[in-house]
Amino acid sequence: MSAYLEQIKQLWLRLTLRQRIVVGVTAVALLVGILFASRQHREQNFKPLFQNMAGEDAGPVVNRLREMGVEFRLADNGTTIKVPADRLDELRIQMATAGLPKTGRIGFELFDNANFGASEFSEQVNFHRAIEGELERSVMSLNEVEQARVHITFAKNSIFLERREAAKASVLVKLKPGAKLSPQNIQAVTHLTASAVEGLSPDQVSVLDMRGNLLSRPKKEDPNAAEPSEAILAYRANLEKDLLRKIQDTLEPLLGPDRFRAAVSLDCDLASGDQSEETYDPTRSVMVTAQRSEDGSGIPGPSGIPGTPS
């Protein structure tokens, strides 16, 4: 080995300065080419795990990959995450098990890289996708909501009245453990969705949870209807707590503490009731009772025609 290195050294000493520069540049170029080819080969072995991701979705996925010790690549300004091709299917399953990404939908950034050759139909479809994605993000901004999906059936216009179809929407929410949407939250989600879609009435928006429970109650809006007062809301909350305590007191001796879960939700109708009135008019007198009495001496008086002896 030493003899071989000595031969290379003697050969190097025989070269002129110009020859040494040429050899050095060639060696560096060859090394750079090898490294570039190796990197390109490695990049070809990376496939997109997720594409067109929102920023709030990409962060948790990247953190999860780092925890798992998986090598990854970011592309398209961080909206695309690439992983080794041989682990692509495995990682997709693991991400789905972990509930990632939370939305998997994109909003109006879909038009950041607009394709000018796209048809009008494609642009309309992308516009509808963007509206649904933006609404999902807005609903998920509520503290009680963990995930949300929005499905919209857009209105269909026609010159024939019988062929016109009104817009409809459904909002599916997954609540955080122990969380509950208040009536005000549900009404906010309903009106938010209706306001974002042209021709969509709040009556045509349904809000459901992951168990299939209908949270919204579509009905015609009464402009004269008043919002529930704080006293009514407090009364309902206290009543729910009282019933929940009674349920817990009943089940705890049978099942043991922390062996069950109970919840109470009341729908109180305080808008109607029975009332009776008796009205008296002080300006008019009405005889309620009458009593008649007579007094006498008990001795009969004289009788007969006056002026004649009796």
Protein backbone atom coordinates (compact mmCIF):
# COMPACT_ATOMS: atom_id res chain seq x y z
CA MET A 1 0.00 0.00 0.00
CA SER A 2 2.84 2.36 0.86
CA ALA A 3 4.54 1.60 -2.47
CA TYR A 4 1.36 2.48 -4.32
CA LEU A 5 1.06 5.80 -2.49
CA GLU A 6 4.72 6.51 -3.23
CA GLN A 7 4.11 6.01 -6.96
CA ILE A 8 1.18 8.43 -6.87
CA LYS A 9 3.32 10.98 -5.04
CA GLN A 10 6.14 10.71 -7.60
CA LEU A 11 3.61 11.03 -10.43
CA TRP A 12 2.14 14.13 -8.82
CA LEU A 13 5.59 15.72 -8.47
CA ARG A 14 6.30 15.23 -12.15
CA LEU A 15 3.17 17.21 -13.14
CA THR A 16 3.37 20.86 -13.99
CA LEU A 17 1.31 23.46 -12.14
CA ARG A 18 -1.23 23.63 -14.96
CA GLN A 19 -1.59 19.84 -15.02
CA ARG A 20 -2.08 19.78 -11.26
CA ILE A 21 -4.88 22.36 -11.55
CA VAL A 22 -6.61 20.35 -14.27
CA VAL A 23 -6.36 17.14 -12.24
CA GLY A 24 -7.66 18.88 -9.11
CA VAL A 25 -10.64 20.45 -10.89
CA THR A 26 -11.47 17.14 -12.55
CA ALA A 27 -11.35 15.30 -9.23
CA VAL A 28 -13.60 17.86 -7.54
CA ALA A 29 -16.08 17.79 -10.43
CA LEU A 30 -16.14 14.01 -10.35
CA LEU A 31 -16.78 14.01 -6.60
CA VAL A 32 -19.59 16.55 -6.93
CA GLY A 33 -21.15 14.53 -9.73
CA ILE A 34 -21.08 11.37 -7.64
CA LEU A 35 -22.70 13.15 -4.68
CA PHE A 36 -25.36 14.72 -6.91
CA ALA A 37 -26.19 11.39 -8.55
CA SER A 38 -26.40 9.75 -5.15
CA ARG A 39 -28.74 12.46 -3.87
CA GLN A 40 -30.94 12.22 -6.96
CA HIS A 41 -31.17 8.49 -6.50
CA ARG A 42 -32.20 8.98 -2.88
CA GLU A 43 -34.77 11.62 -3.84
CA GLN A 44 -36.34 9.22 -6.32
CA ASN A 45 -36.90 6.82 -3.45
CA PHE A 46 -39.05 9.41 -1.61
CA LYS A 47 -42.77 9.54 -2.38
CA PRO A 48 -45.40 12.08 -1.23
CA LEU A 49 -47.06 11.05 2.00
CA PHE A 50 -49.42 14.07 1.95
CA GLN A 51 -49.82 16.91 -0.54
CA ASN A 52 -51.47 20.34 -0.48
CA MET A 53 -51.47 20.39 3.31
CA ALA A 54 -52.42 23.35 5.45
CA GLY A 55 -49.77 24.74 7.77
CA GLU A 56 -51.63 23.68 10.92
CA ASP A 57 -51.78 20.11 9.59
CA ALA A 58 -48.17 19.83 8.40
CA GLY A 59 -46.71 20.67 11.83
CA PRO A 60 -48.22 17.71 13.74
CA VAL A 61 -47.32 15.29 10.92
CA VAL A 62 -43.69 16.47 10.88
CA ASN A 63 -43.46 16.17 14.67
CA ARG A 64 -44.90 12.67 14.51
CA LEU A 65 -42.36 11.59 11.87
CA ARG A 66 -39.52 12.97 13.98
CA GLU A 67 -40.74 11.06 17.02
CA MET A 68 -40.78 7.88 14.91
CA GLY A 69 -37.28 8.58 13.59
CA VAL A 70 -38.45 8.60 9.97
CA GLU A 71 -36.46 10.55 7.39
CA PHE A 72 -38.64 12.91 5.39
CA ARG A 73 -38.47 15.70 2.82
CA LEU A 74 -40.49 18.91 2.53
CA ALA A 75 -41.50 20.27 -0.87
CA ASP A 76 -43.84 22.84 -2.43
CA ASN A 77 -43.22 25.42 0.31
CA GLY A 78 -43.92 22.93 3.06
CA THR A 79 -47.29 21.77 1.75
CA THR A 80 -45.94 18.38 0.59
CA ILE A 81 -44.26 15.82 2.86
CA LYS A 82 -42.24 13.00 1.26
CA VAL A 83 -41.12 9.79 2.96
CA PRO A 84 -39.16 6.70 1.84
CA ALA A 85 -41.15 4.85 -0.81
CA ASP A 86 -40.73 1.48 0.88
CA ARG A 87 -42.48 2.79 4.03
CA LEU A 88 -45.18 4.86 2.34
CA ASP A 89 -48.14 2.54 2.98
CA GLU A 90 -47.02 1.77 6.52
CA LEU A 91 -46.68 5.44 7.42
CA ARG A 92 -50.07 6.33 5.95
CA ILE A 93 -51.73 3.73 8.16
CA GLN A 94 -49.86 4.96 11.23
CA MET A 95 -50.76 8.57 10.51
CA ALA A 96 -54.42 7.63 10.08
CA THR A 97 -54.33 5.73 13.38
CA ALA A 98 -52.95 8.84 15.07
CA GLY A 99 -55.72 10.96 13.52
CA LEU A 100 -53.38 12.87 11.22
CA PRO A 101 -53.85 15.02 9.33
CA LYS A 102 -56.77 16.48 11.22
CA THR A 103 -58.51 18.02 8.21
CA GLY A 104 -56.81 16.83 5.08
CA ARG A 105 -58.57 19.68 3.31
CA ILE A 106 -57.22 22.89 1.87
CA GLY A 107 -58.76 26.30 1.49
CA PHE A 108 -58.31 29.15 -0.94
CA GLU A 109 -54.55 28.49 -1.15
CA LEU A 110 -55.67 25.94 -3.72
CA PHE A 111 -55.62 28.85 -6.17
CA ASP A 112 -52.09 29.97 -5.29
CA ASN A 113 -50.73 27.86 -8.12
CA ALA A 114 -53.64 28.30 -10.49
CA ASN A 115 -53.59 26.45 -13.78
CA PHE A 116 -54.62 28.91 -16.46
CA GLY A 117 -55.50 26.06 -18.77
CA ALA A 118 -58.09 24.61 -16.39
CA SER A 119 -61.68 24.40 -17.57
CA GLU A 120 -64.52 26.36 -16.03
CA PHE A 121 -65.88 23.16 -14.49
CA SER A 122 -62.53 22.41 -12.80
CA GLU A 123 -62.35 25.93 -11.42
CA GLN A 124 -65.87 25.63 -10.04
CA VAL A 125 -65.06 22.31 -8.37
CA ASN A 126 -61.91 23.76 -6.82
CA PHE A 127 -63.89 26.78 -5.62
CA HIS A 128 -66.40 24.53 -3.89
CA ARG A 129 -63.58 22.51 -2.30
CA ALA A 130 -61.96 25.70 -1.08
CA ILE A 131 -65.18 26.94 0.56
CA GLU A 132 -65.68 23.63 2.34
CA GLY A 133 -62.06 23.61 3.50
CA GLU A 134 -62.23 27.16 4.83
CA LEU A 135 -65.47 26.41 6.68
CA GLU A 136 -63.90 23.33 8.26
CA ARG A 137 -61.02 25.43 9.54
CA SER A 138 -63.41 28.01 10.95
CA VAL A 139 -65.50 25.40 12.76
CA MET A 140 -62.36 23.74 14.14
CA SER A 141 -61.30 27.06 15.63
CA LEU A 142 -63.94 26.51 18.34
CA ASN A 143 -62.34 25.25 21.54
CA GLU A 144 -64.83 22.38 21.84
CA VAL A 145 -64.28 20.99 18.32
CA GLU A 146 -61.44 18.58 17.54
CA GLN A 147 -62.31 17.77 13.92
CA ALA A 148 -64.93 18.95 11.44
CA ARG A 149 -66.20 18.05 8.00
CA VAL A 150 -68.43 20.25 5.88
CA HIS A 151 -70.47 18.98 2.94
CA ILE A 152 -72.32 21.47 0.76
CA THR A 153 -74.85 20.87 -1.98
CA PHE A 154 -74.75 24.10 -3.91
CA ALA A 155 -77.88 25.63 -5.39
CA LYS A 156 -78.84 24.74 -8.94
CA ASN A 157 -80.40 27.53 -10.94
CA SER A 158 -82.80 26.90 -13.78
CA ILE A 159 -85.18 28.91 -15.91
CA PHE A 160 -87.88 26.51 -14.74
CA LEU A 161 -88.99 27.10 -11.18
CA GLU A 162 -89.76 23.44 -10.53
CA ARG A 163 -86.18 22.48 -11.43
CA ARG A 164 -84.48 24.90 -9.08
CA GLU A 165 -82.81 23.34 -6.06
CA ALA A 166 -81.92 25.22 -2.90
CA ALA A 167 -78.48 24.96 -1.35
CA LYS A 168 -78.03 22.58 1.57
CA ALA A 169 -75.18 21.88 3.98
CA SER A 170 -74.25 19.44 6.71
CA VAL A 171 -71.55 19.96 9.33
CA LEU A 172 -70.12 16.90 11.07
CA VAL A 173 -68.13 17.68 14.21
CA LYS A 174 -65.98 15.56 16.48
CA LEU A 175 -65.93 17.11 19.93
CA LYS A 176 -63.04 16.97 22.34
CA PRO A 177 -63.42 14.55 25.28
CA GLY A 178 -65.89 15.99 27.77
CA ALA A 179 -66.73 18.97 25.55
CA LYS A 180 -70.21 20.04 24.54
CA LEU A 181 -71.48 22.60 22.08
CA SER A 182 -73.78 25.18 23.60
CA PRO A 183 -76.91 26.34 21.74
CA GLN A 184 -75.08 29.58 20.96
CA ASN A 185 -72.16 27.62 19.44
CA ILE A 186 -74.52 25.55 17.30
CA GLN A 187 -76.33 28.65 16.11
CA ALA A 188 -72.98 30.28 15.32
CA VAL A 189 -71.88 27.29 13.23
CA THR A 190 -75.21 27.29 11.41
CA HIS A 191 -75.13 30.97 10.53
CA LEU A 192 -71.41 30.88 9.69
CA THR A 193 -72.03 28.14 7.15
CA ALA A 194 -75.11 29.81 5.71
CA SER A 195 -73.36 33.16 5.38
CA ALA A 196 -70.44 31.65 3.45
CA VAL A 197 -72.58 30.01 0.75
CA GLU A 198 -74.73 31.98 -1.66
CA GLY A 199 -78.40 31.11 -1.44
CA LEU A 200 -78.00 28.92 1.65
CA SER A 201 -80.55 29.45 4.41
CA PRO A 202 -79.78 28.59 8.05
CA ASP A 203 -82.87 26.34 7.93
CA GLN A 204 -81.00 24.11 5.45
CA VAL A 205 -77.89 23.59 7.63
CA SER A 206 -77.66 20.47 9.77
CA VAL A 207 -75.07 20.04 12.53
CA LEU A 208 -74.31 16.49 13.70
CA ASP A 209 -71.79 14.86 16.01
CA MET A 210 -69.79 11.69 15.39
CA ARG A 211 -72.50 9.58 17.05
CA GLY A 212 -75.11 10.74 14.57
CA ASN A 213 -76.92 12.99 17.01
CA LEU A 214 -78.59 15.98 15.40
CA LEU A 215 -77.35 19.01 17.29
CA SER A 216 -79.17 21.66 15.28
CA ARG A 217 -82.92 21.86 15.07
CA PRO A 218 -83.84 23.52 11.76
CA LYS A 219 -86.93 25.64 12.04
CA LYS A 220 -88.36 28.79 10.60
CA GLU A 221 -86.92 31.82 12.23
CA ASP A 222 -89.34 34.00 14.15
CA PRO A 223 -88.14 37.59 14.07
CA ASN A 224 -90.15 38.28 17.24
CA ALA A 225 -88.63 35.37 19.12
CA ALA A 226 -86.37 36.41 21.95
CA GLU A 227 -83.08 34.79 22.87
CA PRO A 228 -83.02 32.71 26.05
CA SER A 229 -82.26 34.93 29.02
CA GLU A 230 -79.37 34.34 31.38
CA ALA A 231 -81.84 33.29 34.07
CA ILE A 232 -83.32 30.58 31.84
CA LEU A 233 -79.89 29.29 30.86
CA ALA A 234 -78.79 29.24 34.50
CA TYR A 235 -81.99 27.45 35.49
CA ARG A 236 -81.42 24.77 32.84
CA ALA A 237 -77.77 24.35 33.85
CA ASN A 238 -78.68 23.94 37.52
CA LEU A 239 -81.41 21.46 36.64
CA GLU A 240 -78.97 19.41 34.55
CA LYS A 241 -76.43 19.38 37.39
CA ASP A 242 -79.10 18.30 39.87
CA LEU A 243 -80.28 15.43 37.66
CA LEU A 244 -76.70 14.38 36.95
CA ARG A 245 -75.94 14.28 40.66
CA LYS A 246 -78.99 12.10 41.28
CA ILE A 247 -77.93 9.69 38.52
CA GLN A 248 -74.43 9.48 39.96
CA ASP A 249 -75.75 8.89 43.47
CA THR A 250 -77.88 6.05 42.12
CA LEU A 251 -75.25 4.31 40.00
CA GLU A 252 -72.15 4.77 42.15
CA PRO A 253 -73.20 2.28 44.88
CA LEU A 254 -73.97 -0.32 42.18
CA LEU A 255 -71.04 0.15 39.78
CA GLY A 256 -68.44 1.80 41.95
CA PRO A 257 -66.75 5.19 41.59
CA ASP A 258 -65.18 6.06 38.24
CA ARG A 259 -66.75 2.97 36.65
CA PHE A 260 -69.36 4.78 34.59
CA ARG A 261 -69.97 8.01 32.73
CA ALA A 262 -73.22 9.94 32.66
CA ALA A 263 -74.37 13.12 30.97
CA VAL A 264 -77.60 15.09 31.06
CA SER A 265 -78.88 17.42 28.37
CA LEU A 266 -82.26 19.06 28.84
CA ASP A 267 -84.45 20.73 26.28
CA CYS A 268 -86.62 23.05 28.32
CA ASP A 269 -89.68 24.62 26.78
CA LEU A 270 -90.38 27.69 28.85
CA ALA A 271 -92.20 29.57 26.14
CA SER A 272 -95.72 28.36 27.04
CA GLY A 273 -97.74 27.96 30.20
CA ASP A 274 -101.21 28.13 31.74
CA GLN A 275 -102.41 31.28 33.43
CA SER A 276 -105.76 32.19 34.96
CA GLU A 277 -106.97 35.66 35.92
CA GLU A 278 -109.93 37.18 37.79
CA THR A 279 -110.42 40.84 37.03
CA TYR A 280 -112.61 43.17 39.10
CA ASP A 281 -113.71 46.58 37.92
CA PRO A 282 -113.73 49.01 40.86
CA THR A 283 -115.97 51.46 38.98
CA ARG A 284 -118.88 49.04 38.81
CA SER A 285 -120.71 47.67 41.87
CA VAL A 286 -122.10 44.18 41.89
CA MET A 287 -124.40 42.89 44.66
CA VAL A 288 -122.90 39.77 46.10
CA THR A 289 -125.32 39.13 49.07
CA ALA A 290 -128.51 40.83 50.40
CA GLN A 291 -130.08 40.65 53.86
CA ARG A 292 -133.50 42.00 54.99
CA SER A 293 -134.62 42.46 58.60
CA GLU A 294 -137.95 43.64 60.19
CA ASP A 295 -138.65 44.81 63.76
CA GLY A 296 -142.12 44.84 65.58
CA SER A 297 -143.61 45.41 69.17
CA GLY A 298 -145.75 42.25 69.15
CA ILE A 299 -149.02 44.17 70.22
CA PRO A 300 -151.65 44.42 67.52
CA GLY A 301 -152.93 47.95 66.90
CA PRO A 302 -156.59 49.08 66.74
CA SER A 303 -158.61 47.97 63.80
CA GLY A 304 -161.98 49.01 62.28
CA ILE A 305 -163.43 52.08 60.65
CA PRO A 306 -162.34 55.31 62.21
CA GLY A 307 -165.16 57.14 64.16
CA THR A 308 -167.07 53.99 65.06
CA PRO A 309 -166.85 51.99 68.24
CA SER A 310 -164.80 48.88 67.83
